[in-house]
PDB file of all heavy atoms in Angstrom:
ATOM      1  N   PHE A   1      52.456 101.164   4.901  1.00  0.00           N
ATOM      2  CA  PHE A   1      52.694 101.595   6.284  1.00  0.00           C
ATOM      3  C   PHE A   1      52.968 100.356   7.131  1.00  0.00           C
ATOM      4  O   PHE A   1      52.102  99.485   7.282  1.00  0.00           O
ATOM      5  CB  PHE A   1      51.489 102.357   6.827  1.00  0.00           C
ATOM      6  CG  PHE A   1      51.637 102.763   8.277  1.00  0.00           C
ATOM      7  CD1 PHE A   1      52.605 103.680   8.670  1.00  0.00           C
ATOM      8  CD2 PHE A   1      50.816 102.217   9.252  1.00  0.00           C
ATOM      9  CE1 PHE A   1      52.749 104.054  10.005  1.00  0.00           C
ATOM     10  CE2 PHE A   1      50.937 102.586  10.593  1.00  0.00           C
ATOM     11  CZ  PHE A   1      51.910 103.507  10.953  1.00  0.00           C
ATOM     12  N   LYS A   2      54.185 100.250   7.614  1.00  0.00           N
ATOM     13  CA  LYS A   2      54.606  99.106   8.434  1.00  0.00           C
ATOM     14  C   LYS A   2      54.333  97.774   7.729  1.00  0.00           C
ATOM     15  O   LYS A   2      53.895  96.793   8.345  1.00  0.00           O
ATOM     16  CB  LYS A   2      53.925  99.131   9.806  1.00  0.00           C
ATOM     17  CG  LYS A   2      54.301 100.328  10.661  1.00  0.00           C
ATOM     18  CD  LYS A   2      53.769 100.214  12.073  1.00  0.00           C
ATOM     19  CE  LYS A   2      54.246 101.376  12.931  1.00  0.00           C
ATOM     20  NZ  LYS A   2      53.812 101.272  14.337  1.00  0.00           N
ATOM     21  N   GLY A   3      54.586  97.769   6.438  1.00  0.00           N
ATOM     22  CA  GLY A   3      54.422  96.545   5.659  1.00  0.00           C
ATOM     23  C   GLY A   3      53.018  96.287   5.173  1.00  0.00           C
ATOM     24  O   GLY A   3      52.774  95.281   4.488  1.00  0.00           O
ATOM     25  N   VAL A   4      52.071  97.149   5.476  1.00  0.00           N
ATOM     26  CA  VAL A   4      50.683  96.977   5.052  1.00  0.00           C
ATOM     27  C   VAL A   4      50.425  97.885   3.849  1.00  0.00           C
ATOM     28  O   VAL A   4      50.714  99.085   3.893  1.00  0.00           O
ATOM     29  CB  VAL A   4      49.701  97.317   6.194  1.00  0.00           C
ATOM     30  CG1 VAL A   4      48.256  97.181   5.703  1.00  0.00           C
ATOM     31  CG2 VAL A   4      49.943  96.406   7.389  1.00  0.00           C
ATOM     32  N   GLU A   5      49.876  97.324   2.788  1.00  0.00           N
ATOM     33  CA  GLU A   5      49.571  98.112   1.595  1.00  0.00           C
ATOM     34  C   GLU A   5      48.362  99.010   1.861  1.00  0.00           C
ATOM     35  O   GLU A   5      47.333  98.560   2.368  1.00  0.00           O
ATOM     36  CB  GLU A   5      49.280  97.191   0.410  1.00  0.00           C
ATOM     37  CG  GLU A   5      49.011  97.951  -0.886  1.00  0.00           C
ATOM     38  CD  GLU A   5      48.698  97.023  -2.040  1.00  0.00           C
ATOM     39  OE1 GLU A   5      48.752  95.778  -1.838  1.00  0.00           O
ATOM     40  OE2 GLU A   5      48.392  97.521  -3.129  1.00  0.00           O
ATOM     41  N   LEU A   6      48.494 100.276   1.518  1.00  0.00           N
ATOM     42  CA  LEU A   6      47.429 101.242   1.767  1.00  0.00           C
ATOM     43  C   LEU A   6      46.551 101.398   0.536  1.00  0.00           C
ATOM     44  O   LEU A   6      47.022 101.298  -0.606  1.00  0.00           O
ATOM     45  CB  LEU A   6      48.033 102.598   2.141  1.00  0.00           C
ATOM     46  CG  LEU A   6      48.892 102.616   3.413  1.00  0.00           C
ATOM     47  CD1 LEU A   6      49.511 103.993   3.623  1.00  0.00           C
ATOM     48  CD2 LEU A   6      48.067 102.225   4.639  1.00  0.00           C
ATOM     49  N   ILE A   7      45.253 101.647   0.785  1.00  0.00           N
ATOM     50  CA  ILE A   7      44.285 101.845  -0.298  1.00  0.00           C
ATOM     51  C   ILE A   7      43.466 103.088   0.003  1.00  0.00           C
ATOM     52  O   ILE A   7      43.477 103.611   1.125  1.00  0.00           O
ATOM     53  CB  ILE A   7      43.340 100.633  -0.443  1.00  0.00           C
ATOM     54  CG1 ILE A   7      42.541 100.436   0.860  1.00  0.00           C
ATOM     55  CG2 ILE A   7      44.107  99.368  -0.812  1.00  0.00           C
ATOM     56  CD1 ILE A   7      41.466  99.378   0.768  1.00  0.00           C
ATOM     57  N   LYS A   8      42.743 103.576  -0.998  1.00  0.00           N
ATOM     58  CA  LYS A   8      41.817 104.678  -0.783  1.00  0.00           C
ATOM     59  C   LYS A   8      40.433 104.111  -0.495  1.00  0.00           C
ATOM     60  O   LYS A   8      40.006 103.140  -1.122  1.00  0.00           O
ATOM     61  CB  LYS A   8      41.775 105.589  -2.011  1.00  0.00           C
ATOM     62  CG  LYS A   8      43.037 106.418  -2.197  1.00  0.00           C
ATOM     63  CD  LYS A   8      42.848 107.439  -3.303  1.00  0.00           C
ATOM     64  CE  LYS A   8      44.080 108.332  -3.443  1.00  0.00           C
ATOM     65  NZ  LYS A   8      44.272 109.170  -2.252  1.00  0.00           N
ATOM     66  N   ASN A   9      39.739 104.732   0.437  1.00  0.00           N
ATOM     67  CA  ASN A   9      38.400 104.273   0.819  1.00  0.00           C
ATOM     68  C   ASN A   9      37.536 105.510   1.075  1.00  0.00           C
ATOM     69  O   ASN A   9      37.651 106.161   2.115  1.00  0.00           O
ATOM     70  CB  ASN A   9      38.476 103.389   2.068  1.00  0.00           C
ATOM     71  CG  ASN A   9      37.152 102.715   2.389  1.00  0.00           C
ATOM     72  OD1 ASN A   9      36.101 103.102   1.874  1.00  0.00           O
ATOM     73  ND2 ASN A   9      37.190 101.696   3.238  1.00  0.00           N
ATOM     74  N   SER A  10      36.705 105.819   0.117  1.00  0.00           N
ATOM     75  CA  SER A  10      35.885 107.035   0.215  1.00  0.00           C
ATOM     76  C   SER A  10      34.841 106.956   1.320  1.00  0.00           C
ATOM     77  O   SER A  10      34.301 107.981   1.742  1.00  0.00           O
ATOM     78  CB  SER A  10      35.196 107.309  -1.132  1.00  0.00           C
ATOM     79  OG  SER A  10      34.366 106.207  -1.498  1.00  0.00           O
ATOM     80  N   LYS A  11      34.557 105.732   1.803  1.00  0.00           N
ATOM     81  CA  LYS A  11      33.570 105.590   2.876  1.00  0.00           C
ATOM     82  C   LYS A  11      34.112 106.072   4.223  1.00  0.00           C
ATOM     83  O   LYS A  11      33.336 106.364   5.135  1.00  0.00           O
ATOM     84  CB  LYS A  11      33.134 104.130   2.986  1.00  0.00           C
ATOM     85  CG  LYS A  11      32.360 103.626   1.775  1.00  0.00           C
ATOM     86  CD  LYS A  11      31.910 102.193   1.976  1.00  0.00           C
ATOM     87  CE  LYS A  11      31.126 101.690   0.774  1.00  0.00           C
ATOM     88  NZ  LYS A  11      30.688 100.274   0.966  1.00  0.00           N
ATOM     89  N   VAL A  12      35.422 106.129   4.376  1.00  0.00           N
ATOM     90  CA  VAL A  12      36.030 106.585   5.638  1.00  0.00           C
ATOM     91  C   VAL A  12      36.114 108.106   5.612  1.00  0.00           C
ATOM     92  O   VAL A  12      36.734 108.689   4.716  1.00  0.00           O
ATOM     93  CB  VAL A  12      37.429 105.977   5.832  1.00  0.00           C
ATOM     94  CG1 VAL A  12      38.054 106.482   7.123  1.00  0.00           C
ATOM     95  CG2 VAL A  12      37.345 104.459   5.832  1.00  0.00           C
ATOM     96  N   LYS A  13      35.478 108.745   6.577  1.00  0.00           N
ATOM     97  CA  LYS A  13      35.447 110.204   6.637  1.00  0.00           C
ATOM     98  C   LYS A  13      36.766 110.724   7.214  1.00  0.00           C
ATOM     99  O   LYS A  13      37.187 110.302   8.292  1.00  0.00           O
ATOM    100  CB  LYS A  13      34.290 110.679   7.510  1.00  0.00           C
ATOM    101  CG  LYS A  13      32.918 110.179   7.049  1.00  0.00           C
ATOM    102  CD  LYS A  13      32.554 110.721   5.682  1.00  0.00           C
ATOM    103  CE  LYS A  13      31.158 110.261   5.265  1.00  0.00           C
ATOM    104  NZ  LYS A  13      30.793 110.765   3.923  1.00  0.00           N
ATOM    105  N   THR A  14      37.389 111.632   6.481  1.00  0.00           N
ATOM    106  CA  THR A  14      38.653 112.213   6.932  1.00  0.00           C
ATOM    107  C   THR A  14      38.385 113.378   7.875  1.00  0.00           C
ATOM    108  O   THR A  14      37.565 114.256   7.574  1.00  0.00           O
ATOM    109  CB  THR A  14      39.481 112.710   5.733  1.00  0.00           C
ATOM    110  OG1 THR A  14      39.677 111.624   4.826  1.00  0.00           O
ATOM    111  CG2 THR A  14      40.826 113.243   6.195  1.00  0.00           C
ATOM    112  N   ILE A  15      39.064 113.367   9.018  1.00  0.00           N
ATOM    113  CA  ILE A  15      38.947 114.479   9.973  1.00  0.00           C
ATOM    114  C   ILE A  15      39.689 115.681   9.403  1.00  0.00           C
ATOM    115  O   ILE A  15      40.864 115.588   9.054  1.00  0.00           O
ATOM    116  CB  ILE A  15      39.527 114.087  11.342  1.00  0.00           C
ATOM    117  CG1 ILE A  15      38.793 112.867  11.915  1.00  0.00           C
ATOM    118  CG2 ILE A  15      39.431 115.252  12.320  1.00  0.00           C
ATOM    119  CD1 ILE A  15      39.401 112.319  13.183  1.00  0.00           C
ATOM    120  N   ARG A  16      39.003 116.812   9.290  1.00  0.00           N
ATOM    121  CA  ARG A  16      39.621 118.019   8.743  1.00  0.00           C
ATOM    122  C   ARG A  16      40.579 118.606   9.776  1.00  0.00           C
ATOM    123  O   ARG A  16      40.141 119.086  10.820  1.00  0.00           O
ATOM    124  CB  ARG A  16      38.541 119.020   8.367  1.00  0.00           C
ATOM    125  CG  ARG A  16      37.710 118.606   7.141  1.00  0.00           C
ATOM    126  CD  ARG A  16      36.377 119.289   7.106  1.00  0.00           C
ATOM    127  NE  ARG A  16      35.478 118.740   8.114  1.00  0.00           N
ATOM    128  CZ  ARG A  16      34.235 119.196   8.322  1.00  0.00           C
ATOM    129  NH1 ARG A  16      33.761 120.181   7.589  1.00  0.00           N
ATOM    130  NH2 ARG A  16      33.479 118.667   9.264  1.00  0.00           N
ATOM    131  N   ARG A  17      41.845 118.546   9.455  1.00  0.00           N
ATOM    132  CA  ARG A  17      42.888 118.894  10.422  1.00  0.00           C
ATOM    133  C   ARG A  17      42.756 120.331  10.928  1.00  0.00           C
ATOM    134  O   ARG A  17      42.808 120.586  12.126  1.00  0.00           O
ATOM    135  CB  ARG A  17      44.266 118.684   9.797  1.00  0.00           C
ATOM    136  CG  ARG A  17      45.437 118.997  10.716  1.00  0.00           C
ATOM    137  CD  ARG A  17      46.737 118.551  10.068  1.00  0.00           C
ATOM    138  NE  ARG A  17      46.939 119.203   8.782  1.00  0.00           N
ATOM    139  CZ  ARG A  17      47.559 120.380   8.648  1.00  0.00           C
ATOM    140  NH1 ARG A  17      48.023 120.995   9.701  1.00  0.00           N
ATOM    141  NH2 ARG A  17      47.723 120.917   7.452  1.00  0.00           N
ATOM    142  N   GLY A  18      42.584 121.287  10.005  1.00  0.00           N
ATOM    143  CA  GLY A  18      42.491 122.681  10.416  1.00  0.00           C
ATOM    144  C   GLY A  18      41.306 122.938  11.318  1.00  0.00           C
ATOM    145  O   GLY A  18      41.424 123.607  12.345  1.00  0.00           O
ATOM    146  N   GLN A  19      40.147 122.376  10.956  1.00  0.00           N
ATOM    147  CA  GLN A  19      38.953 122.567  11.773  1.00  0.00           C
ATOM    148  C   GLN A  19      39.096 121.876  13.123  1.00  0.00           C
ATOM    149  O   GLN A  19      38.625 122.378  14.151  1.00  0.00           O
ATOM    150  CB  GLN A  19      37.729 122.042  11.028  1.00  0.00           C
ATOM    151  CG  GLN A  19      36.407 122.334  11.722  1.00  0.00           C
ATOM    152  CD  GLN A  19      35.219 121.845  10.914  1.00  0.00           C
ATOM    153  OE1 GLN A  19      35.371 121.331   9.807  1.00  0.00           O
ATOM    154  NE2 GLN A  19      34.023 121.997  11.461  1.00  0.00           N
ATOM    155  N   PHE A  20      39.754 120.726  13.126  1.00  0.00           N
ATOM    156  CA  PHE A  20      39.953 119.981  14.369  1.00  0.00           C
ATOM    157  C   PHE A  20      40.799 120.783  15.359  1.00  0.00           C
ATOM    158  O   PHE A  20      40.419 120.959  16.525  1.00  0.00           O
ATOM    159  CB  PHE A  20      40.621 118.642  14.047  1.00  0.00           C
ATOM    160  CG  PHE A  20      41.006 117.834  15.249  1.00  0.00           C
ATOM    161  CD1 PHE A  20      40.049 117.316  16.106  1.00  0.00           C
ATOM    162  CD2 PHE A  20      42.346 117.586  15.540  1.00  0.00           C
ATOM    163  CE1 PHE A  20      40.408 116.563  17.215  1.00  0.00           C
ATOM    164  CE2 PHE A  20      42.714 116.838  16.644  1.00  0.00           C
ATOM    165  CZ  PHE A  20      41.735 116.330  17.477  1.00  0.00           C
ATOM    166  N   TYR A  21      41.933 121.292  14.898  1.00  0.00           N
ATOM    167  CA  TYR A  21      42.789 122.056  15.805  1.00  0.00           C
ATOM    168  C   TYR A  21      42.165 123.395  16.174  1.00  0.00           C
ATOM    169  O   TYR A  21      42.349 123.894  17.291  1.00  0.00           O
ATOM    170  CB  TYR A  21      44.162 122.266  15.167  1.00  0.00           C
ATOM    171  CG  TYR A  21      45.068 121.061  15.271  1.00  0.00           C
ATOM    172  CD1 TYR A  21      45.571 120.442  14.130  1.00  0.00           C
ATOM    173  CD2 TYR A  21      45.409 120.527  16.508  1.00  0.00           C
ATOM    174  CE1 TYR A  21      46.408 119.332  14.224  1.00  0.00           C
ATOM    175  CE2 TYR A  21      46.223 119.414  16.605  1.00  0.00           C
ATOM    176  CZ  TYR A  21      46.720 118.822  15.462  1.00  0.00           C
ATOM    177  OH  TYR A  21      47.543 117.719  15.569  1.00  0.00           O
ATOM    178  N   ALA A  22      41.424 123.991  15.259  1.00  0.00           N
ATOM    179  CA  ALA A  22      40.734 125.245  15.577  1.00  0.00           C
ATOM    180  C   ALA A  22      39.679 125.020  16.663  1.00  0.00           C
ATOM    181  O   ALA A  22      39.516 125.849  17.571  1.00  0.00           O
ATOM    182  CB  ALA A  22      40.092 125.822  14.317  1.00  0.00           C
ATOM    183  N   SER A  23      38.977 123.892  16.572  1.00  0.00           N
ATOM    184  CA  SER A  23      37.973 123.567  17.590  1.00  0.00           C
ATOM    185  C   SER A  23      38.635 123.306  18.944  1.00  0.00           C
ATOM    186  O   SER A  23      38.143 123.768  19.985  1.00  0.00           O
ATOM    187  CB  SER A  23      37.164 122.351  17.150  1.00  0.00           C
ATOM    188  OG  SER A  23      36.216 121.986  18.123  1.00  0.00           O
ATOM    189  N   LEU A  24      39.752 122.559  18.941  1.00  0.00           N
ATOM    190  CA  LEU A  24      40.466 122.320  20.195  1.00  0.00           C
ATOM    191  C   LEU A  24      40.932 123.619  20.825  1.00  0.00           C
ATOM    192  O   LEU A  24      40.762 123.848  22.034  1.00  0.00           O
ATOM    193  CB  LEU A  24      41.673 121.416  19.936  1.00  0.00           C
ATOM    194  CG  LEU A  24      41.490 119.902  20.037  1.00  0.00           C
ATOM    195  CD1 LEU A  24      42.783 119.193  19.698  1.00  0.00           C
ATOM    196  CD2 LEU A  24      41.000 119.491  21.418  1.00  0.00           C
ATOM    197  N   LYS A  25      41.512 124.495  20.010  1.00  0.00           N
ATOM    198  CA  LYS A  25      41.995 125.791  20.504  1.00  0.00           C
ATOM    199  C   LYS A  25      40.850 126.593  21.115  1.00  0.00           C
ATOM    200  O   LYS A  25      40.959 127.119  22.231  1.00  0.00           O
ATOM    201  CB  LYS A  25      42.640 126.563  19.358  1.00  0.00           C
ATOM    202  CG  LYS A  25      42.938 128.027  19.658  1.00  0.00           C
ATOM    203  CD  LYS A  25      43.409 128.756  18.431  1.00  0.00           C
ATOM    204  CE  LYS A  25      43.522 130.259  18.681  1.00  0.00           C
ATOM    205  NZ  LYS A  25      42.215 130.893  18.947  1.00  0.00           N
ATOM    206  N   SER A  26      39.751 126.685  20.383  1.00  0.00           N
ATOM    207  CA  SER A  26      38.622 127.483  20.852  1.00  0.00           C
ATOM    208  C   SER A  26      38.013 126.921  22.130  1.00  0.00           C
ATOM    209  O   SER A  26      37.715 127.662  23.076  1.00  0.00           O
ATOM    210  CB  SER A  26      37.564 127.550  19.749  1.00  0.00           C
ATOM    211  OG  SER A  26      36.407 128.215  20.193  1.00  0.00           O
ATOM    212  N   ASN A  27      37.842 125.605  22.186  1.00  0.00           N
ATOM    213  CA  ASN A  27      37.212 124.992  23.354  1.00  0.00           C
ATOM    214  C   ASN A  27      38.100 125.058  24.594  1.00  0.00           C
ATOM    215  O   ASN A  27      37.601 125.224  25.715  1.00  0.00           O
ATOM    216  CB  ASN A  27      36.841 123.539  23.046  1.00  0.00           C
ATOM    217  CG  ASN A  27      35.678 123.433  22.077  1.00  0.00           C
ATOM    218  OD1 ASN A  27      34.725 124.200  22.161  1.00  0.00           O
ATOM    219  ND2 ASN A  27      35.749 122.494  21.145  1.00  0.00           N
ATOM    220  N   ILE A  28      39.413 124.922  24.423  1.00  0.00           N
ATOM    221  CA  ILE A  28      40.311 125.051  25.574  1.00  0.00           C
ATOM    222  C   ILE A  28      40.287 126.479  26.098  1.00  0.00           C
ATOM    223  O   ILE A  28      40.282 126.716  27.312  1.00  0.00           O
ATOM    224  CB  ILE A  28      41.746 124.624  25.192  1.00  0.00           C
ATOM    225  CG1 ILE A  28      41.800 123.116  24.964  1.00  0.00           C
ATOM    226  CG2 ILE A  28      42.740 125.016  26.279  1.00  0.00           C
ATOM    227  CD1 ILE A  28      43.145 122.613  24.509  1.00  0.00           C
ATOM    228  N   GLU A  29      40.257 127.447  25.197  1.00  0.00           N
ATOM    229  CA  GLU A  29      40.173 128.841  25.634  1.00  0.00           C
ATOM    230  C   GLU A  29      38.871 129.106  26.381  1.00  0.00           C
ATOM    231  O   GLU A  29      38.870 129.774  27.428  1.00  0.00           O
ATOM    232  CB  GLU A  29      40.274 129.772  24.430  1.00  0.00           C
ATOM    233  CG  GLU A  29      41.670 129.899  23.852  1.00  0.00           C
ATOM    234  CD  GLU A  29      41.716 130.834  22.665  1.00  0.00           C
ATOM    235  OE1 GLU A  29      40.723 130.890  21.910  1.00  0.00           O
ATOM    236  OE2 GLU A  29      42.755 131.498  22.486  1.00  0.00           O
ATOM    237  N   ASN A  30      37.766 128.581  25.866  1.00  0.00           N
ATOM    238  CA  ASN A  30      36.467 128.827  26.497  1.00  0.00           C
ATOM    239  C   ASN A  30      36.342 128.121  27.832  1.00  0.00           C
ATOM    240  O   ASN A  30      35.771 128.676  28.784  1.00  0.00           O
ATOM    241  CB  ASN A  30      35.335 128.374  25.566  1.00  0.00           C
ATOM    242  CG  ASN A  30      35.263 129.211  24.308  1.00  0.00           C
ATOM    243  OD1 ASN A  30      35.690 130.364  24.291  1.00  0.00           O
ATOM    244  ND2 ASN A  30      34.729 128.629  23.241  1.00  0.00           N
TER     245      ASN A  30
END
């Protein structure tokens, strides 16, 4: 990515995309 070699790092928590957008949708509605 932009000349930087990417690696896997299990210590970094991945934000769950579906849950993230579902939470945004629900909270904006509320």
